Amino acid sequence: MPRNQFERMMFALMTVLVTVHAYVFYSLYVVNGATFTGATGEAHVLDSIRVMGGVAVFGKPIPIWAVILIEFVLAYGLEILVGSPCSFKLACKMFDIKNTNPVIFETAIICATVSIMCPAMSFLAAILYYPYQYMDFNIFTLLANWLKLICYNLPFAFFSQLFFIQPLIRTCFKAIFRRNVPVEA
């Protein structure tokens, strides 16, 4: 859908902006919420994070806004440098862009992007959120945490990107860049 480098960067920016907020919410509330509330005795996740002094990154508590900022920078860089170019190439290997229904081709790009970005961002998260404050670094613990994060994140990534985030971003992108898309009867 983006036609030039500027539009590709804007599309990635819009996607990552929505995606990072969704994943931070998912990670803090769904994946780790019970752990946080159980560890602090608080009734709500945000209260637990406040009592803990923030979210532990490299073993040091930082505020949620800083977590979002760190993940945004990492995700945007990874999306621009690896995710978008590789997912388009993978989709082109599977389908002929000229003879394939655009919905099928866009779905292939989304699936390829998820298959690249989810393991990569899960690995970065495994490094960032490794329990440094409780134990010394161990490569096997890191790999186990990485695989656990992939198992948690992959279903969420697939379904949220396919059915919510990408349709929203494509609609917003078309509105912002005023695409003259013919309406099919």
N, C-alpha and C. Protein backbone atom coordinates (compact mmCIF):
# COMPACT_ATOMS: atom_id res chain seq x y z
N MET A 1 0.81 -1.20 0.00
CA MET A 1 0.00 0.00 0.00
C MET A 1 0.85 1.26 0.00
N PRO A 2 1.89 1.40 0.86
CA PRO A 2 2.77 2.56 0.74
C PRO A 2 3.52 2.52 -0.58
N ARG A 3 3.66 3.69 -1.21
CA ARG A 3 4.26 3.74 -2.54
C ARG A 3 5.72 4.15 -2.56
N ASN A 4 6.18 4.85 -1.54
CA ASN A 4 7.58 5.30 -1.53
C ASN A 4 8.16 5.13 -0.12
N GLN A 5 9.43 5.47 0.02
CA GLN A 5 10.12 5.25 1.29
C GLN A 5 9.50 6.04 2.43
N PHE A 6 9.12 7.29 2.19
CA PHE A 6 8.48 8.10 3.22
C PHE A 6 7.18 7.45 3.69
N GLU A 7 6.36 7.01 2.76
CA GLU A 7 5.10 6.37 3.12
C GLU A 7 5.33 5.05 3.85
N ARG A 8 6.35 4.30 3.46
CA ARG A 8 6.67 3.05 4.16
C ARG A 8 7.07 3.34 5.61
N MET A 9 7.86 4.39 5.79
CA MET A 9 8.28 4.75 7.15
C MET A 9 7.10 5.24 7.98
N MET A 10 6.19 5.98 7.37
CA MET A 10 5.00 6.45 8.08
C MET A 10 4.07 5.29 8.42
N PHE A 11 3.91 4.35 7.49
CA PHE A 11 3.08 3.18 7.74
C PHE A 11 3.66 2.37 8.90
N ALA A 12 4.97 2.17 8.89
CA ALA A 12 5.63 1.44 9.98
C ALA A 12 5.48 2.19 11.30
N LEU A 13 5.62 3.53 11.26
CA LEU A 13 5.47 4.34 12.46
C LEU A 13 4.08 4.18 13.06
N MET A 14 3.07 4.26 12.21
CA MET A 14 1.69 4.11 12.68
C MET A 14 1.46 2.72 13.25
N THR A 15 1.97 1.70 12.56
CA THR A 15 1.79 0.33 13.02
C THR A 15 2.47 0.10 14.36
N VAL A 16 3.71 0.54 14.48
CA VAL A 16 4.46 0.31 15.71
C VAL A 16 3.86 1.11 16.87
N LEU A 17 3.37 2.30 16.59
CA LEU A 17 2.76 3.12 17.63
C LEU A 17 1.58 2.40 18.28
N VAL A 18 0.73 1.82 17.48
CA VAL A 18 -0.42 1.08 18.01
C VAL A 18 0.02 -0.24 18.63
N THR A 19 0.91 -0.95 17.92
CA THR A 19 1.32 -2.28 18.36
C THR A 19 2.04 -2.26 19.70
N VAL A 20 2.95 -1.33 19.90
CA VAL A 20 3.71 -1.29 21.16
C VAL A 20 2.77 -1.07 22.35
N HIS A 21 1.82 -0.16 22.22
CA HIS A 21 0.88 0.06 23.32
C HIS A 21 0.07 -1.21 23.60
N ALA A 22 -0.37 -1.88 22.55
CA ALA A 22 -1.14 -3.11 22.73
C ALA A 22 -0.31 -4.19 23.42
N TYR A 23 0.95 -4.33 23.01
CA TYR A 23 1.79 -5.37 23.58
C TYR A 23 2.23 -5.06 25.00
N VAL A 24 2.47 -3.82 25.32
CA VAL A 24 2.82 -3.47 26.70
C VAL A 24 1.62 -3.75 27.60
N PHE A 25 0.45 -3.36 27.17
CA PHE A 25 -0.76 -3.66 27.94
C PHE A 25 -0.92 -5.17 28.10
N TYR A 26 -0.80 -5.91 27.01
CA TYR A 26 -0.94 -7.38 27.04
C TYR A 26 0.10 -8.00 27.97
N SER A 27 1.33 -7.56 27.87
CA SER A 27 2.41 -8.12 28.68
C SER A 27 2.22 -7.83 30.16
N LEU A 28 1.87 -6.58 30.48
CA LEU A 28 1.75 -6.21 31.88
C LEU A 28 0.48 -6.77 32.52
N TYR A 29 -0.63 -6.72 31.82
CA TYR A 29 -1.89 -7.13 32.42
C TYR A 29 -2.18 -8.62 32.25
N VAL A 30 -2.10 -9.12 31.03
CA VAL A 30 -2.51 -10.49 30.76
C VAL A 30 -1.42 -11.49 31.16
N VAL A 31 -0.20 -11.28 30.69
CA VAL A 31 0.87 -12.24 30.92
C VAL A 31 1.41 -12.15 32.35
N ASN A 32 1.68 -10.94 32.84
CA ASN A 32 2.34 -10.78 34.13
C ASN A 32 1.47 -10.19 35.23
N GLY A 33 0.24 -9.88 34.94
CA GLY A 33 -0.62 -9.22 35.93
C GLY A 33 -0.79 -9.99 37.22
N ALA A 34 -1.06 -11.30 37.14
CA ALA A 34 -1.25 -12.11 38.34
C ALA A 34 0.05 -12.21 39.14
N THR A 35 1.18 -12.27 38.45
CA THR A 35 2.47 -12.31 39.14
C THR A 35 2.72 -11.02 39.91
N PHE A 36 2.43 -9.88 39.26
CA PHE A 36 2.64 -8.59 39.92
C PHE A 36 1.73 -8.43 41.14
N THR A 37 0.44 -8.73 40.96
CA THR A 37 -0.49 -8.56 42.09
C THR A 37 -0.21 -9.57 43.20
N GLY A 38 0.21 -10.78 42.83
CA GLY A 38 0.56 -11.78 43.83
C GLY A 38 1.81 -11.41 44.62
N ALA A 39 2.77 -10.81 43.95
CA ALA A 39 4.03 -10.45 44.62
C ALA A 39 3.86 -9.26 45.57
N THR A 40 2.94 -8.36 45.24
CA THR A 40 2.80 -7.16 46.06
C THR A 40 1.58 -7.19 46.98
N GLY A 41 0.62 -8.05 46.69
CA GLY A 41 -0.60 -8.09 47.48
C GLY A 41 -1.60 -7.03 47.09
N GLU A 42 -1.30 -6.27 46.06
CA GLU A 42 -2.21 -5.22 45.60
C GLU A 42 -3.34 -5.85 44.78
N ALA A 43 -4.47 -5.16 44.69
CA ALA A 43 -5.62 -5.68 43.96
C ALA A 43 -5.54 -5.39 42.46
N HIS A 44 -4.81 -4.35 42.08
CA HIS A 44 -4.76 -3.93 40.68
C HIS A 44 -3.32 -3.93 40.17
N VAL A 45 -3.18 -4.20 38.90
CA VAL A 45 -1.85 -4.31 38.29
C VAL A 45 -1.10 -2.98 38.38
N LEU A 46 -1.75 -1.88 38.05
CA LEU A 46 -1.07 -0.58 38.11
C LEU A 46 -0.61 -0.25 39.52
N ASP A 47 -1.41 -0.61 40.51
CA ASP A 47 -0.99 -0.40 41.90
C ASP A 47 0.23 -1.25 42.22
N SER A 48 0.25 -2.47 41.71
CA SER A 48 1.40 -3.35 41.94
C SER A 48 2.66 -2.78 41.31
N ILE A 49 2.54 -2.27 40.09
CA ILE A 49 3.70 -1.69 39.41
C ILE A 49 4.18 -0.45 40.16
N ARG A 50 3.25 0.34 40.67
CA ARG A 50 3.62 1.52 41.45
C ARG A 50 4.37 1.12 42.72
N VAL A 51 3.89 0.08 43.42
CA VAL A 51 4.54 -0.39 44.64
C VAL A 51 5.94 -0.94 44.33
N MET A 52 6.09 -1.62 43.18
CA MET A 52 7.39 -2.17 42.80
C MET A 52 8.35 -1.09 42.31
N GLY A 53 7.85 0.12 42.10
CA GLY A 53 8.69 1.21 41.63
C GLY A 53 8.80 1.26 40.12
N GLY A 54 8.02 0.47 39.42
CA GLY A 54 8.04 0.43 37.96
C GLY A 54 8.21 -1.00 37.47
N VAL A 55 8.52 -1.12 36.21
CA VAL A 55 8.74 -2.41 35.56
C VAL A 55 10.25 -2.64 35.48
N ALA A 56 10.69 -3.82 35.87
CA ALA A 56 12.13 -4.10 35.89
C ALA A 56 12.68 -4.29 34.47
N VAL A 57 13.58 -3.42 34.08
CA VAL A 57 14.30 -3.52 32.81
C VAL A 57 15.78 -3.56 33.16
N PHE A 58 16.45 -4.62 32.73
CA PHE A 58 17.83 -4.88 33.14
C PHE A 58 17.96 -4.89 34.66
N GLY A 59 16.90 -5.34 35.34
CA GLY A 59 16.94 -5.45 36.78
C GLY A 59 16.64 -4.18 37.55
N LYS A 60 16.43 -3.07 36.86
CA LYS A 60 16.15 -1.78 37.50
C LYS A 60 14.72 -1.35 37.16
N PRO A 61 13.94 -0.95 38.17
CA PRO A 61 12.56 -0.52 37.88
C PRO A 61 12.53 0.82 37.15
N ILE A 62 11.72 0.85 36.08
CA ILE A 62 11.51 2.10 35.33
C ILE A 62 10.01 2.28 35.10
N PRO A 63 9.56 3.51 34.89
CA PRO A 63 8.13 3.76 34.69
C PRO A 63 7.62 3.14 33.37
N ILE A 64 6.32 2.94 33.33
CA ILE A 64 5.70 2.31 32.15
C ILE A 64 5.96 3.13 30.89
N TRP A 65 5.93 4.47 31.01
CA TRP A 65 6.15 5.29 29.81
C TRP A 65 7.54 5.02 29.23
N ALA A 66 8.52 4.74 30.08
CA ALA A 66 9.88 4.45 29.60
C ALA A 66 9.93 3.08 28.93
N VAL A 67 9.15 2.13 29.46
CA VAL A 67 9.06 0.81 28.82
C VAL A 67 8.49 0.96 27.41
N ILE A 68 7.43 1.75 27.29
CA ILE A 68 6.81 1.98 25.97
C ILE A 68 7.81 2.64 25.04
N LEU A 69 8.54 3.63 25.52
CA LEU A 69 9.53 4.32 24.69
C LEU A 69 10.64 3.37 24.22
N ILE A 70 11.17 2.56 25.12
CA ILE A 70 12.23 1.61 24.76
C ILE A 70 11.71 0.61 23.72
N GLU A 71 10.54 0.05 23.98
CA GLU A 71 9.99 -0.94 23.04
C GLU A 71 9.64 -0.29 21.71
N PHE A 72 9.19 0.95 21.73
CA PHE A 72 8.87 1.64 20.48
C PHE A 72 10.13 1.80 19.62
N VAL A 73 11.21 2.27 20.22
CA VAL A 73 12.46 2.48 19.47
C VAL A 73 12.96 1.15 18.90
N LEU A 74 12.96 0.11 19.72
CA LEU A 74 13.42 -1.20 19.25
C LEU A 74 12.52 -1.76 18.15
N ALA A 75 11.22 -1.69 18.35
CA ALA A 75 10.27 -2.24 17.37
C ALA A 75 10.31 -1.46 16.06
N TYR A 76 10.39 -0.14 16.13
CA TYR A 76 10.41 0.66 14.91
C TYR A 76 11.69 0.39 14.11
N GLY A 77 12.81 0.36 14.79
CA GLY A 77 14.07 0.04 14.10
C GLY A 77 14.05 -1.33 13.46
N LEU A 78 13.55 -2.31 14.21
CA LEU A 78 13.48 -3.67 13.67
C LEU A 78 12.50 -3.76 12.51
N GLU A 79 11.38 -3.07 12.62
CA GLU A 79 10.37 -3.10 11.55
C GLU A 79 10.92 -2.47 10.27
N ILE A 80 11.59 -1.34 10.38
CA ILE A 80 12.12 -0.65 9.20
C ILE A 80 13.27 -1.44 8.57
N LEU A 81 14.17 -1.95 9.39
CA LEU A 81 15.37 -2.60 8.87
C LEU A 81 15.16 -4.05 8.45
N VAL A 82 14.29 -4.77 9.16
CA VAL A 82 14.16 -6.20 8.91
C VAL A 82 12.72 -6.61 8.57
N GLY A 83 11.77 -6.25 9.43
CA GLY A 83 10.39 -6.73 9.31
C GLY A 83 9.73 -6.44 7.98
N SER A 84 9.62 -5.18 7.62
CA SER A 84 8.93 -4.81 6.38
C SER A 84 9.62 -5.34 5.13
N PRO A 85 10.92 -5.13 4.96
CA PRO A 85 11.55 -5.63 3.73
C PRO A 85 11.48 -7.15 3.59
N CYS A 86 11.74 -7.86 4.67
CA CYS A 86 11.75 -9.32 4.60
C CYS A 86 10.35 -9.90 4.43
N SER A 87 9.35 -9.30 5.08
CA SER A 87 7.98 -9.82 4.95
C SER A 87 7.46 -9.64 3.54
N PHE A 88 7.78 -8.52 2.91
CA PHE A 88 7.34 -8.30 1.53
C PHE A 88 8.02 -9.31 0.59
N LYS A 89 9.31 -9.55 0.81
CA LYS A 89 10.02 -10.54 -0.02
C LYS A 89 9.46 -11.94 0.17
N LEU A 90 9.16 -12.30 1.42
CA LEU A 90 8.58 -13.62 1.67
C LEU A 90 7.21 -13.77 1.01
N ALA A 91 6.39 -12.73 1.10
CA ALA A 91 5.07 -12.78 0.46
C ALA A 91 5.20 -12.87 -1.05
N CYS A 92 6.17 -12.18 -1.62
CA CYS A 92 6.38 -12.24 -3.08
C CYS A 92 6.87 -13.61 -3.53
N LYS A 93 7.59 -14.32 -2.65
CA LYS A 93 8.03 -15.67 -2.99
C LYS A 93 6.85 -16.64 -3.03
N MET A 94 5.85 -16.37 -2.21
CA MET A 94 4.68 -17.27 -2.12
C MET A 94 3.61 -16.93 -3.16
N PHE A 95 3.47 -15.66 -3.48
CA PHE A 95 2.39 -15.23 -4.36
C PHE A 95 2.91 -14.26 -5.41
N ASP A 96 2.29 -14.29 -6.58
CA ASP A 96 2.58 -13.32 -7.64
C ASP A 96 1.72 -12.10 -7.35
N ILE A 97 2.37 -10.97 -7.11
CA ILE A 97 1.65 -9.76 -6.68
C ILE A 97 0.63 -9.30 -7.72
N LYS A 98 0.90 -9.54 -9.00
CA LYS A 98 -0.01 -9.08 -10.05
C LYS A 98 -1.23 -9.98 -10.22
N ASN A 99 -1.09 -11.25 -9.86
CA ASN A 99 -2.18 -12.21 -10.09
C ASN A 99 -2.86 -12.68 -8.81
N THR A 100 -2.55 -12.04 -7.71
CA THR A 100 -3.12 -12.46 -6.43
C THR A 100 -4.07 -11.38 -5.93
N ASN A 101 -5.17 -11.82 -5.35
CA ASN A 101 -6.13 -10.91 -4.75
C ASN A 101 -5.38 -10.07 -3.70
N PRO A 102 -5.58 -8.75 -3.70
CA PRO A 102 -4.85 -7.89 -2.76
C PRO A 102 -5.06 -8.27 -1.29
N VAL A 103 -6.24 -8.75 -0.94
CA VAL A 103 -6.50 -9.14 0.44
C VAL A 103 -5.63 -10.34 0.82
N ILE A 104 -5.50 -11.29 -0.08
CA ILE A 104 -4.66 -12.47 0.16
C ILE A 104 -3.20 -12.05 0.28
N PHE A 105 -2.77 -11.17 -0.60
CA PHE A 105 -1.37 -10.73 -0.57
C PHE A 105 -1.07 -9.94 0.71
N GLU A 106 -1.98 -9.04 1.11
CA GLU A 106 -1.78 -8.29 2.36
C GLU A 106 -1.78 -9.22 3.56
N THR A 107 -2.62 -10.25 3.54
CA THR A 107 -2.64 -11.23 4.62
C THR A 107 -1.32 -11.99 4.69
N ALA A 108 -0.76 -12.32 3.54
CA ALA A 108 0.54 -12.99 3.50
C ALA A 108 1.63 -12.10 4.09
N ILE A 109 1.58 -10.81 3.78
CA ILE A 109 2.56 -9.87 4.33
C ILE A 109 2.42 -9.78 5.86
N ILE A 110 1.18 -9.70 6.34
CA ILE A 110 0.94 -9.63 7.78
C ILE A 110 1.48 -10.88 8.48
N CYS A 111 1.17 -12.05 7.91
CA CYS A 111 1.64 -13.31 8.51
C CYS A 111 3.17 -13.39 8.50
N ALA A 112 3.78 -12.95 7.41
CA ALA A 112 5.24 -12.97 7.34
C ALA A 112 5.84 -11.98 8.34
N THR A 113 5.23 -10.82 8.49
CA THR A 113 5.73 -9.84 9.45
C THR A 113 5.65 -10.37 10.87
N VAL A 114 4.53 -10.99 11.20
CA VAL A 114 4.38 -11.58 12.54
C VAL A 114 5.42 -12.67 12.76
N SER A 115 5.66 -13.48 11.73
CA SER A 115 6.62 -14.59 11.88
C SER A 115 8.05 -14.09 12.04
N ILE A 116 8.33 -12.88 11.61
CA ILE A 116 9.67 -12.28 11.79
C ILE A 116 9.74 -11.47 13.08
N MET A 117 8.77 -10.59 13.27
CA MET A 117 8.83 -9.64 14.38
C MET A 117 8.57 -10.28 15.74
N CYS A 118 7.67 -11.24 15.81
CA CYS A 118 7.35 -11.84 17.11
C CYS A 118 8.56 -12.52 17.76
N PRO A 119 9.26 -13.42 17.05
CA PRO A 119 10.44 -14.02 17.69
C PRO A 119 11.54 -12.99 17.98
N ALA A 120 11.71 -12.01 17.08
CA ALA A 120 12.76 -11.01 17.28
C ALA A 120 12.46 -10.12 18.49
N MET A 121 11.25 -9.60 18.57
CA MET A 121 10.90 -8.74 19.71
C MET A 121 10.81 -9.55 21.01
N SER A 122 10.39 -10.81 20.92
CA SER A 122 10.37 -11.66 22.11
C SER A 122 11.78 -11.89 22.63
N PHE A 123 12.73 -12.02 21.73
CA PHE A 123 14.12 -12.19 22.15
C PHE A 123 14.63 -10.93 22.84
N LEU A 124 14.34 -9.78 22.25
CA LEU A 124 14.75 -8.51 22.89
C LEU A 124 14.08 -8.35 24.25
N ALA A 125 12.80 -8.74 24.35
CA ALA A 125 12.10 -8.66 25.64
C ALA A 125 12.71 -9.62 26.65
N ALA A 126 13.12 -10.81 26.19
CA ALA A 126 13.75 -11.77 27.10
C ALA A 126 15.04 -11.19 27.67
N ILE A 127 15.76 -10.43 26.88
CA ILE A 127 16.99 -9.79 27.36
C ILE A 127 16.65 -8.62 28.30
N LEU A 128 15.71 -7.76 27.89
CA LEU A 128 15.36 -6.59 28.70
C LEU A 128 14.77 -6.98 30.05
N TYR A 129 13.87 -7.96 30.06
CA TYR A 129 13.11 -8.30 31.26
C TYR A 129 13.64 -9.54 31.97
N TYR A 130 14.85 -9.94 31.64
CA TYR A 130 15.48 -11.07 32.32
C TYR A 130 15.54 -10.75 33.81
N PRO A 131 15.29 -11.74 34.68
CA PRO A 131 15.27 -11.44 36.13
C PRO A 131 16.66 -11.24 36.73
N TYR A 132 17.35 -10.21 36.26
CA TYR A 132 18.71 -9.92 36.72
C TYR A 132 18.78 -9.68 38.22
N GLN A 133 17.72 -9.10 38.78
CA GLN A 133 17.74 -8.77 40.20
C GLN A 133 17.65 -10.02 41.08
N TYR A 134 17.21 -11.17 40.53
CA TYR A 134 17.05 -12.39 41.32
C TYR A 134 18.12 -13.44 41.06
N MET A 135 18.76 -13.39 39.90
CA MET A 135 19.72 -14.44 39.56
C MET A 135 20.80 -13.91 38.63
N ASP A 136 21.91 -14.62 38.59
CA ASP A 136 22.96 -14.30 37.64
C ASP A 136 22.50 -14.72 36.25
N PHE A 137 23.11 -14.11 35.24
CA PHE A 137 22.73 -14.40 33.86
C PHE A 137 23.08 -15.85 33.52
N ASN A 138 22.13 -16.52 32.87
CA ASN A 138 22.32 -17.89 32.40
C ASN A 138 21.70 -17.99 31.02
N ILE A 139 22.46 -18.43 30.04
CA ILE A 139 21.97 -18.49 28.66
C ILE A 139 20.76 -19.41 28.52
N PHE A 140 20.71 -20.49 29.31
CA PHE A 140 19.59 -21.41 29.22
C PHE A 140 18.31 -20.79 29.78
N THR A 141 18.44 -20.00 30.81
CA THR A 141 17.28 -19.28 31.35
C THR A 141 16.80 -18.25 30.33
N LEU A 142 17.74 -17.56 29.69
CA LEU A 142 17.37 -16.60 28.65
C LEU A 142 16.61 -17.29 27.51
N LEU A 143 17.12 -18.41 27.04
CA LEU A 143 16.46 -19.14 25.94
C LEU A 143 15.10 -19.67 26.36
N ALA A 144 14.99 -20.16 27.60
CA ALA A 144 13.70 -20.63 28.09
C ALA A 144 12.70 -19.48 28.18
N ASN A 145 13.16 -18.33 28.67
CA ASN A 145 12.28 -17.14 28.73
C ASN A 145 11.87 -16.70 27.34
N TRP A 146 12.80 -16.78 26.38
CA TRP A 146 12.50 -16.40 25.00
C TRP A 146 11.42 -17.30 24.42
N LEU A 147 11.56 -18.60 24.58
CA LEU A 147 10.56 -19.54 24.07
C LEU A 147 9.21 -19.34 24.74
N LYS A 148 9.23 -19.07 26.06
CA LYS A 148 7.98 -18.80 26.78
C LYS A 148 7.30 -17.56 26.21
N LEU A 149 8.08 -16.50 25.97
CA LEU A 149 7.51 -15.28 25.42
C LEU A 149 6.95 -15.49 24.02
N ILE A 150 7.64 -16.27 23.20
CA ILE A 150 7.10 -16.57 21.86
C ILE A 150 5.76 -17.29 21.99
N CYS A 151 5.67 -18.26 22.89
CA CYS A 151 4.41 -18.99 23.09
C CYS A 151 3.28 -18.07 23.55
N TYR A 152 3.58 -17.11 24.40
CA TYR A 152 2.57 -16.15 24.83
C TYR A 152 2.23 -15.15 23.73
N ASN A 153 3.26 -14.64 23.05
CA ASN A 153 3.06 -13.51 22.13
C ASN A 153 2.57 -13.89 20.74
N LEU A 154 2.95 -15.06 20.24
CA LEU A 154 2.61 -15.40 18.85
C LEU A 154 1.10 -15.43 18.58
N PRO A 155 0.29 -16.10 19.41
CA PRO A 155 -1.16 -16.05 19.12
C PRO A 155 -1.72 -14.63 19.20
N PHE A 156 -1.29 -13.88 20.21
CA PHE A 156 -1.77 -12.50 20.34
C PHE A 156 -1.32 -11.66 19.15
N ALA A 157 -0.06 -11.81 18.75
CA ALA A 157 0.46 -11.05 17.61
C ALA A 157 -0.30 -11.38 16.34
N PHE A 158 -0.49 -12.65 16.09
CA PHE A 158 -1.17 -13.06 14.86
C PHE A 158 -2.58 -12.50 14.78
N PHE A 159 -3.37 -12.76 15.80
CA PHE A 159 -4.77 -12.35 15.75
C PHE A 159 -4.95 -10.83 15.87
N SER A 160 -4.15 -10.17 16.70
CA SER A 160 -4.31 -8.72 16.82
C SER A 160 -3.87 -8.01 15.54
N GLN A 161 -2.79 -8.47 14.92
CA GLN A 161 -2.34 -7.84 13.67
C GLN A 161 -3.31 -8.11 12.53
N LEU A 162 -3.75 -9.34 12.42
CA LEU A 162 -4.60 -9.73 11.28
C LEU A 162 -5.99 -9.12 11.36
N PHE A 163 -6.58 -9.07 12.55
CA PHE A 163 -7.99 -8.67 12.65
C PHE A 163 -8.23 -7.30 13.27
N PHE A 164 -7.21 -6.69 13.87
CA PHE A 164 -7.45 -5.40 14.49
C PHE A 164 -6.45 -4.33 14.04
N ILE A 165 -5.18 -4.55 14.32
CA ILE A 165 -4.19 -3.50 14.12
C ILE A 165 -4.01 -3.15 12.65
N GLN A 166 -3.74 -4.13 11.81
CA GLN A 166 -3.51 -3.82 10.40
C GLN A 166 -4.75 -3.25 9.69
N PRO A 167 -5.97 -3.78 9.91
CA PRO A 167 -7.13 -3.10 9.30
C PRO A 167 -7.28 -1.66 9.77
N LEU A 168 -7.03 -1.41 11.06
CA LEU A 168 -7.11 -0.04 11.58
C LEU A 168 -6.06 0.85 10.93
N ILE A 169 -4.82 0.38 10.88
CA ILE A 169 -3.74 1.19 10.32
C ILE A 169 -3.95 1.43 8.83
N ARG A 170 -4.40 0.43 8.09
CA ARG A 170 -4.64 0.60 6.65
C ARG A 170 -5.76 1.62 6.41
N THR A 171 -6.79 1.57 7.23
CA THR A 171 -7.89 2.53 7.10
C THR A 171 -7.39 3.95 7.40
N CYS A 172 -6.65 4.11 8.48
CA CYS A 172 -6.10 5.42 8.84
C CYS A 172 -5.11 5.91 7.78
N PHE A 173 -4.27 5.00 7.30
CA PHE A 173 -3.28 5.37 6.29
C PHE A 173 -3.97 5.88 5.02
N LYS A 174 -5.01 5.18 4.58
CA LYS A 174 -5.75 5.61 3.39
C LYS A 174 -6.39 6.98 3.61
N ALA A 175 -6.91 7.21 4.81
CA ALA A 175 -7.53 8.51 5.11
C ALA A 175 -6.50 9.63 5.14
N ILE A 176 -5.34 9.36 5.72
CA ILE A 176 -4.30 10.39 5.83
C ILE A 176 -3.70 10.72 4.48
N PHE A 177 -3.40 9.70 3.70
CA PHE A 177 -2.75 9.91 2.41
C PHE A 177 -3.74 10.02 1.26
N ARG A 178 -5.02 10.08 1.58
CA ARG A 178 -6.09 10.35 0.60
C ARG A 178 -5.97 9.49 -0.66
N ARG A 179 -5.99 8.22 -0.45
CA ARG A 179 -5.96 7.31 -1.60
C ARG A 179 -7.31 7.33 -2.30
N ASN A 180 -7.29 7.41 -3.60
CA ASN A 180 -8.52 7.30 -4.38
C ASN A 180 -8.75 5.82 -4.69
N VAL A 181 -9.38 5.15 -3.74
CA VAL A 181 -9.63 3.73 -3.88
C VAL A 181 -11.04 3.56 -4.42
N PRO A 182 -11.17 2.92 -5.59
CA PRO A 182 -12.51 2.73 -6.15
C PRO A 182 -13.33 1.79 -5.26
N VAL A 183 -14.59 2.10 -5.10
CA VAL A 183 -15.49 1.27 -4.32
C VAL A 183 -16.05 0.20 -5.24
N GLU A 184 -15.89 -1.05 -4.84
CA GLU A 184 -16.39 -2.15 -5.66
C GLU A 184 -17.85 -2.40 -5.33
N ALA A 185 -18.62 -2.66 -6.35
CA ALA A 185 -20.05 -2.90 -6.15
C ALA A 185 -20.33 -4.34 -5.82
